[in-house]
Amino acid sequence: MGLRKTFATDSQVENKGVVLEYGDTRIRIARAGGANKKFALALNEATRPLRRAIAADAVDSDQQRDILVQVYVDTVILSIENRVHAPGNDEPQWQRGILHADIGVEKAEGDANLLPDTKANILKLLVALPELFNDIQQQAQNYALFKADIDEELAKN
C-alpha cells in the first residue's frame, strides 16, 4: 500500500464533516485543519491580539482553552442531533438540537424537547462538558477520519 492511500484525505469530507456518535447524540464535525481553511483563519484571528503574550508563555491555559473552544464552535462543530421519541411514533427519530440536561438547563413545561444547536448553545454544551470538547478536539485532528475511502465505506452502510 502506497503512502497516498495511507495518508491522503478528502477535502470535501474535511469540510462537510463526519459524524461522531455518542449514544443517542450525533455530532457532525469538520476537520480542525487540512482543507477546513475557516479553522486556520479563525484561530489566527482569535490569537492575533495575544501573539506576544503567547510567545512569552504569558497566556494561561484557561484563556487558551476558551479561545480554542470558540474557534471549534465557529468552524468545526457543524450540527448536533439527538434521538427523540416523537408523539405518536414508536420509533425514535433523529432531530437537530441539544438536550436541556446536557447543558444543565431545566426543561420547563411547554418547552421544545431540544434546544436549537446554535453557536451559543453549543458553546454552553462544551463548557458544561469539557471532556466532550476534549474528545471532539481529538477526533477533529485525526486525519484518518477524513479519508475518502472511509467516507465511501460509511456511505455503503
C-alpha atoms as a PDB file:
ATOM      1  CA  MET A   1       0.000   0.000   0.000  1.00  0.00           C
ATOM      2  CA  GLY A   2       1.382   3.380  -1.007  1.00  0.00           C
ATOM      3  CA  LEU A   3       1.652   6.411   1.238  1.00  0.00           C
ATOM      4  CA  ARG A   4      -1.123   8.211  -0.638  1.00  0.00           C
ATOM      5  CA  LYS A   5      -3.633   5.515   0.310  1.00  0.00           C
ATOM      6  CA  THR A   6      -2.439   5.697   3.919  1.00  0.00           C
ATOM      7  CA  PHE A   7      -2.322   9.465   4.414  1.00  0.00           C
ATOM      8  CA  ALA A   8      -4.401  11.228   1.737  1.00  0.00           C
ATOM      9  CA  THR A   9      -7.601  12.875   2.920  1.00  0.00           C
ATOM     10  CA  ASP A  10     -10.627  14.094   1.008  1.00  0.00           C
ATOM     11  CA  SER A  11     -11.052  17.883   1.124  1.00  0.00           C
ATOM     12  CA  GLN A  12     -14.821  17.563   0.670  1.00  0.00           C
ATOM     13  CA  VAL A  13     -15.053  15.219   3.653  1.00  0.00           C
ATOM     14  CA  GLU A  14     -12.850  17.567   5.687  1.00  0.00           C
ATOM     15  CA  ASN A  15     -15.316  20.404   5.055  1.00  0.00           C
ATOM     16  CA  LYS A  16     -18.696  18.664   5.009  1.00  0.00           C
ATOM     17  CA  GLY A  17     -17.689  16.722   8.085  1.00  0.00           C
ATOM     18  CA  VAL A  18     -18.042  13.313   9.623  1.00  0.00           C
ATOM     19  CA  VAL A  19     -20.479  12.169  12.284  1.00  0.00           C
ATOM     20  CA  LEU A  20     -19.344  11.264  15.775  1.00  0.00           C
ATOM     21  CA  GLU A  21     -21.842   9.096  17.621  1.00  0.00           C
ATOM     22  CA  TYR A  22     -22.242   9.316  21.374  1.00  0.00           C
ATOM     23  CA  GLY A  23     -25.155   7.007  22.157  1.00  0.00           C
ATOM     24  CA  ASP A  24     -28.334   8.948  21.404  1.00  0.00           C
ATOM     25  CA  THR A  25     -26.390  12.013  20.250  1.00  0.00           C
ATOM     26  CA  ARG A  26     -24.663  12.600  16.919  1.00  0.00           C
ATOM     27  CA  ILE A  27     -22.277  15.480  16.322  1.00  0.00           C
ATOM     28  CA  ARG A  28     -21.113  16.379  12.806  1.00  0.00           C
ATOM     29  CA  ILE A  29     -17.629  17.870  12.768  1.00  0.00           C
ATOM     30  CA  ALA A  30     -15.365  19.266  10.080  1.00  0.00           C
ATOM     31  CA  ARG A  31     -11.638  18.709  10.307  1.00  0.00           C
ATOM     32  CA  ALA A  32      -9.638  21.079  12.502  1.00  0.00           C
ATOM     33  CA  GLY A  33      -7.091  21.973   9.843  1.00  0.00           C
ATOM     34  CA  GLY A  34      -6.423  20.456   6.459  1.00  0.00           C
ATOM     35  CA  ALA A  35      -8.900  21.693   3.845  1.00  0.00           C
ATOM     36  CA  ASN A  36     -11.010  23.438   6.501  1.00  0.00           C
ATOM     37  CA  LYS A  37      -9.402  26.826   5.907  1.00  0.00           C
ATOM     38  CA  LYS A  38     -12.026  28.546   8.086  1.00  0.00           C
ATOM     39  CA  PHE A  39     -10.477  26.846  11.115  1.00  0.00           C
ATOM     40  CA  ALA A  40      -6.965  28.196  10.474  1.00  0.00           C
ATOM     41  CA  LEU A  41      -8.275  31.677   9.669  1.00  0.00           C
ATOM     42  CA  ALA A  42     -10.458  31.819  12.797  1.00  0.00           C
ATOM     43  CA  LEU A  43      -7.659  30.545  15.034  1.00  0.00           C
ATOM     44  CA  ASN A  44      -5.251  33.075  13.542  1.00  0.00           C
ATOM     45  CA  GLU A  45      -7.752  35.902  14.056  1.00  0.00           C
ATOM     46  CA  ALA A  46      -8.616  34.845  17.614  1.00  0.00           C
ATOM     47  CA  THR A  47      -4.977  34.652  18.691  1.00  0.00           C
ATOM     48  CA  ARG A  48      -3.734  37.771  16.862  1.00  0.00           C
ATOM     49  CA  PRO A  49      -4.172  40.125  19.865  1.00  0.00           C
ATOM     50  CA  LEU A  50      -2.342  37.652  22.097  1.00  0.00           C
ATOM     51  CA  ARG A  51       0.629  36.736  19.902  1.00  0.00           C
ATOM     52  CA  ARG A  52       3.247  38.426  22.078  1.00  0.00           C
ATOM     53  CA  ALA A  53       1.726  37.027  25.250  1.00  0.00           C
ATOM     54  CA  ILE A  54       1.585  33.546  23.705  1.00  0.00           C
ATOM     55  CA  ALA A  55       5.212  33.791  22.582  1.00  0.00           C
ATOM     56  CA  ALA A  56       6.177  34.837  26.113  1.00  0.00           C
ATOM     57  CA  ASP A  57       4.125  31.960  27.532  1.00  0.00           C
ATOM     58  CA  ALA A  58       2.053  34.527  29.430  1.00  0.00           C
ATOM     59  CA  VAL A  59      -1.413  33.300  28.432  1.00  0.00           C
ATOM     60  CA  ASP A  60      -2.940  30.946  30.961  1.00  0.00           C
ATOM     61  CA  SER A  61      -4.307  27.598  29.879  1.00  0.00           C
ATOM     62  CA  ASP A  62      -7.925  28.548  30.670  1.00  0.00           C
ATOM     63  CA  GLN A  63      -7.753  31.524  28.315  1.00  0.00           C
ATOM     64  CA  GLN A  64      -6.147  29.382  25.597  1.00  0.00           C
ATOM     65  CA  ARG A  65      -8.863  26.746  26.026  1.00  0.00           C
ATOM     66  CA  ASP A  66     -11.626  29.397  25.871  1.00  0.00           C
ATOM     67  CA  ILE A  67     -10.230  30.666  22.570  1.00  0.00           C
ATOM     68  CA  LEU A  68      -9.954  27.179  21.133  1.00  0.00           C
ATOM     69  CA  VAL A  69     -13.473  26.201  22.219  1.00  0.00           C
ATOM     70  CA  GLN A  70     -14.888  29.303  20.500  1.00  0.00           C
ATOM     71  CA  VAL A  71     -12.945  28.553  17.298  1.00  0.00           C
ATOM     72  CA  TYR A  72     -14.306  24.983  17.311  1.00  0.00           C
ATOM     73  CA  VAL A  73     -17.848  26.263  17.820  1.00  0.00           C
ATOM     74  CA  ASP A  74     -17.405  28.658  14.886  1.00  0.00           C
ATOM     75  CA  THR A  75     -15.603  26.370  12.433  1.00  0.00           C
ATOM     76  CA  VAL A  76     -15.557  22.687  13.408  1.00  0.00           C
ATOM     77  CA  ILE A  77     -18.844  21.665  15.023  1.00  0.00           C
ATOM     78  CA  LEU A  78     -21.409  21.699  12.230  1.00  0.00           C
ATOM     79  CA  SER A  79     -24.514  20.228  13.859  1.00  0.00           C
ATOM     80  CA  ILE A  80     -25.830  18.232  16.792  1.00  0.00           C
ATOM     81  CA  GLU A  81     -28.708  15.774  16.678  1.00  0.00           C
ATOM     82  CA  ASN A  82     -30.424  13.705  19.337  1.00  0.00           C
ATOM     83  CA  ARG A  83     -32.605  10.638  19.066  1.00  0.00           C
ATOM     84  CA  VAL A  84     -36.031  11.565  20.411  1.00  0.00           C
ATOM     85  CA  HIS A  85     -39.405   9.892  20.636  1.00  0.00           C
ATOM     86  CA  ALA A  86     -41.943  11.902  18.689  1.00  0.00           C
ATOM     87  CA  PRO A  87     -45.548  11.750  19.869  1.00  0.00           C
ATOM     88  CA  GLY A  88     -47.464   9.058  18.023  1.00  0.00           C
ATOM     89  CA  ASN A  89     -44.321   7.393  16.698  1.00  0.00           C
ATOM     90  CA  ASP A  90     -42.896   4.292  18.380  1.00  0.00           C
ATOM     91  CA  GLU A  91     -39.556   4.593  16.617  1.00  0.00           C
ATOM     92  CA  PRO A  92     -37.155   7.271  17.837  1.00  0.00           C
ATOM     93  CA  GLN A  93     -36.191   9.888  15.246  1.00  0.00           C
ATOM     94  CA  TRP A  94     -33.039  11.980  14.830  1.00  0.00           C
ATOM     95  CA  GLN A  95     -33.742  15.648  15.438  1.00  0.00           C
ATOM     96  CA  ARG A  96     -31.355  18.599  15.437  1.00  0.00           C
ATOM     97  CA  GLY A  97     -30.764  20.130  18.821  1.00  0.00           C
ATOM     98  CA  ILE A  98     -29.243  19.748  22.268  1.00  0.00           C
ATOM     99  CA  LEU A  99     -30.851  18.165  25.308  1.00  0.00           C
ATOM    100  CA  HIS A 100     -31.620  20.664  28.060  1.00  0.00           C
ATOM    101  CA  ALA A 101     -29.967  18.454  30.680  1.00  0.00           C
ATOM    102  CA  ASP A 102     -26.723  18.260  28.685  1.00  0.00           C
ATOM    103  CA  ILE A 103     -26.116  21.958  29.261  1.00  0.00           C
ATOM    104  CA  GLY A 104     -27.561  21.954  32.763  1.00  0.00           C
ATOM    105  CA  VAL A 105     -30.838  23.728  31.975  1.00  0.00           C
ATOM    106  CA  GLU A 106     -34.188  22.602  33.361  1.00  0.00           C
ATOM    107  CA  LYS A 107     -36.808  21.894  30.707  1.00  0.00           C
ATOM    108  CA  ALA A 108     -39.857  23.963  31.572  1.00  0.00           C
ATOM    109  CA  GLU A 109     -43.406  22.845  30.849  1.00  0.00           C
ATOM    110  CA  GLY A 110     -44.195  23.544  27.218  1.00  0.00           C
ATOM    111  CA  ASP A 111     -40.547  23.897  26.145  1.00  0.00           C
ATOM    112  CA  ALA A 112     -39.430  22.148  22.998  1.00  0.00           C
ATOM    113  CA  ASN A 113     -37.802  18.757  23.518  1.00  0.00           C
ATOM    114  CA  LEU A 114     -34.468  20.108  22.362  1.00  0.00           C
ATOM    115  CA  LEU A 115     -32.691  23.436  22.424  1.00  0.00           C
ATOM    116  CA  PRO A 116     -31.568  24.606  18.969  1.00  0.00           C
ATOM    117  CA  ASP A 117     -27.958  23.767  18.125  1.00  0.00           C
ATOM    118  CA  THR A 118     -26.978  27.412  17.869  1.00  0.00           C
ATOM    119  CA  LYS A 119     -23.398  28.517  18.411  1.00  0.00           C
ATOM    120  CA  ALA A 120     -24.378  29.909  21.832  1.00  0.00           C
ATOM    121  CA  ASN A 121     -25.921  26.594  22.909  1.00  0.00           C
ATOM    122  CA  ILE A 122     -23.025  24.556  21.517  1.00  0.00           C
ATOM    123  CA  LEU A 123     -20.648  26.778  23.499  1.00  0.00           C
ATOM    124  CA  LYS A 124     -22.709  26.154  26.655  1.00  0.00           C
ATOM    125  CA  LEU A 125     -22.550  22.415  25.950  1.00  0.00           C
ATOM    126  CA  LEU A 126     -18.762  22.389  25.599  1.00  0.00           C
ATOM    127  CA  VAL A 127     -18.335  24.465  28.757  1.00  0.00           C
ATOM    128  CA  ALA A 128     -20.690  22.140  30.669  1.00  0.00           C
ATOM    129  CA  LEU A 129     -18.958  19.002  29.352  1.00  0.00           C
ATOM    130  CA  PRO A 130     -15.237  19.749  28.931  1.00  0.00           C
ATOM    131  CA  GLU A 131     -14.404  16.087  28.293  1.00  0.00           C
ATOM    132  CA  LEU A 132     -16.760  16.151  25.310  1.00  0.00           C
ATOM    133  CA  PHE A 133     -14.735  19.041  23.917  1.00  0.00           C
ATOM    134  CA  ASN A 134     -11.526  17.088  24.534  1.00  0.00           C
ATOM    135  CA  ASP A 135     -12.894  14.147  22.552  1.00  0.00           C
ATOM    136  CA  ILE A 136     -14.192  16.317  19.711  1.00  0.00           C
ATOM    137  CA  GLN A 137     -10.837  18.076  19.523  1.00  0.00           C
ATOM    138  CA  GLN A 138      -9.008  14.756  19.356  1.00  0.00           C
ATOM    139  CA  GLN A 139     -11.341  13.409  16.659  1.00  0.00           C
ATOM    140  CA  ALA A 140     -11.239  16.616  14.595  1.00  0.00           C
ATOM    141  CA  GLN A 141      -7.451  16.384  14.420  1.00  0.00           C
ATOM    142  CA  ASN A 142      -7.451  12.707  13.426  1.00  0.00           C
ATOM    143  CA  TYR A 143      -6.720  12.788   9.698  1.00  0.00           C
ATOM    144  CA  ALA A 144      -7.781   9.155   9.337  1.00  0.00           C
ATOM    145  CA  LEU A 145     -11.431  10.086   9.926  1.00  0.00           C
ATOM    146  CA  PHE A 146     -11.369  12.335   6.877  1.00  0.00           C
ATOM    147  CA  LYS A 147     -10.027   9.897   4.316  1.00  0.00           C
ATOM    148  CA  ALA A 148     -12.065   9.386   1.158  1.00  0.00           C
ATOM    149  CA  ASP A 149     -12.129   5.612   1.444  1.00  0.00           C
ATOM    150  CA  ILE A 150     -13.585   5.785   4.954  1.00  0.00           C
ATOM    151  CA  ASP A 151     -16.367   8.096   3.756  1.00  0.00           C
ATOM    152  CA  GLU A 152     -17.090   5.689   0.902  1.00  0.00           C
ATOM    153  CA  GLU A 153     -17.306   2.784   3.343  1.00  0.00           C
ATOM    154  CA  LEU A 154     -19.710   4.738   5.592  1.00  0.00           C
ATOM    155  CA  ALA A 155     -21.888   5.587   2.587  1.00  0.00           C
ATOM    156  CA  LYS A 156     -22.274   1.868   1.799  1.00  0.00           C
ATOM    157  CA  ASN A 157     -23.635   1.110   5.295  1.00  0.00           C
END
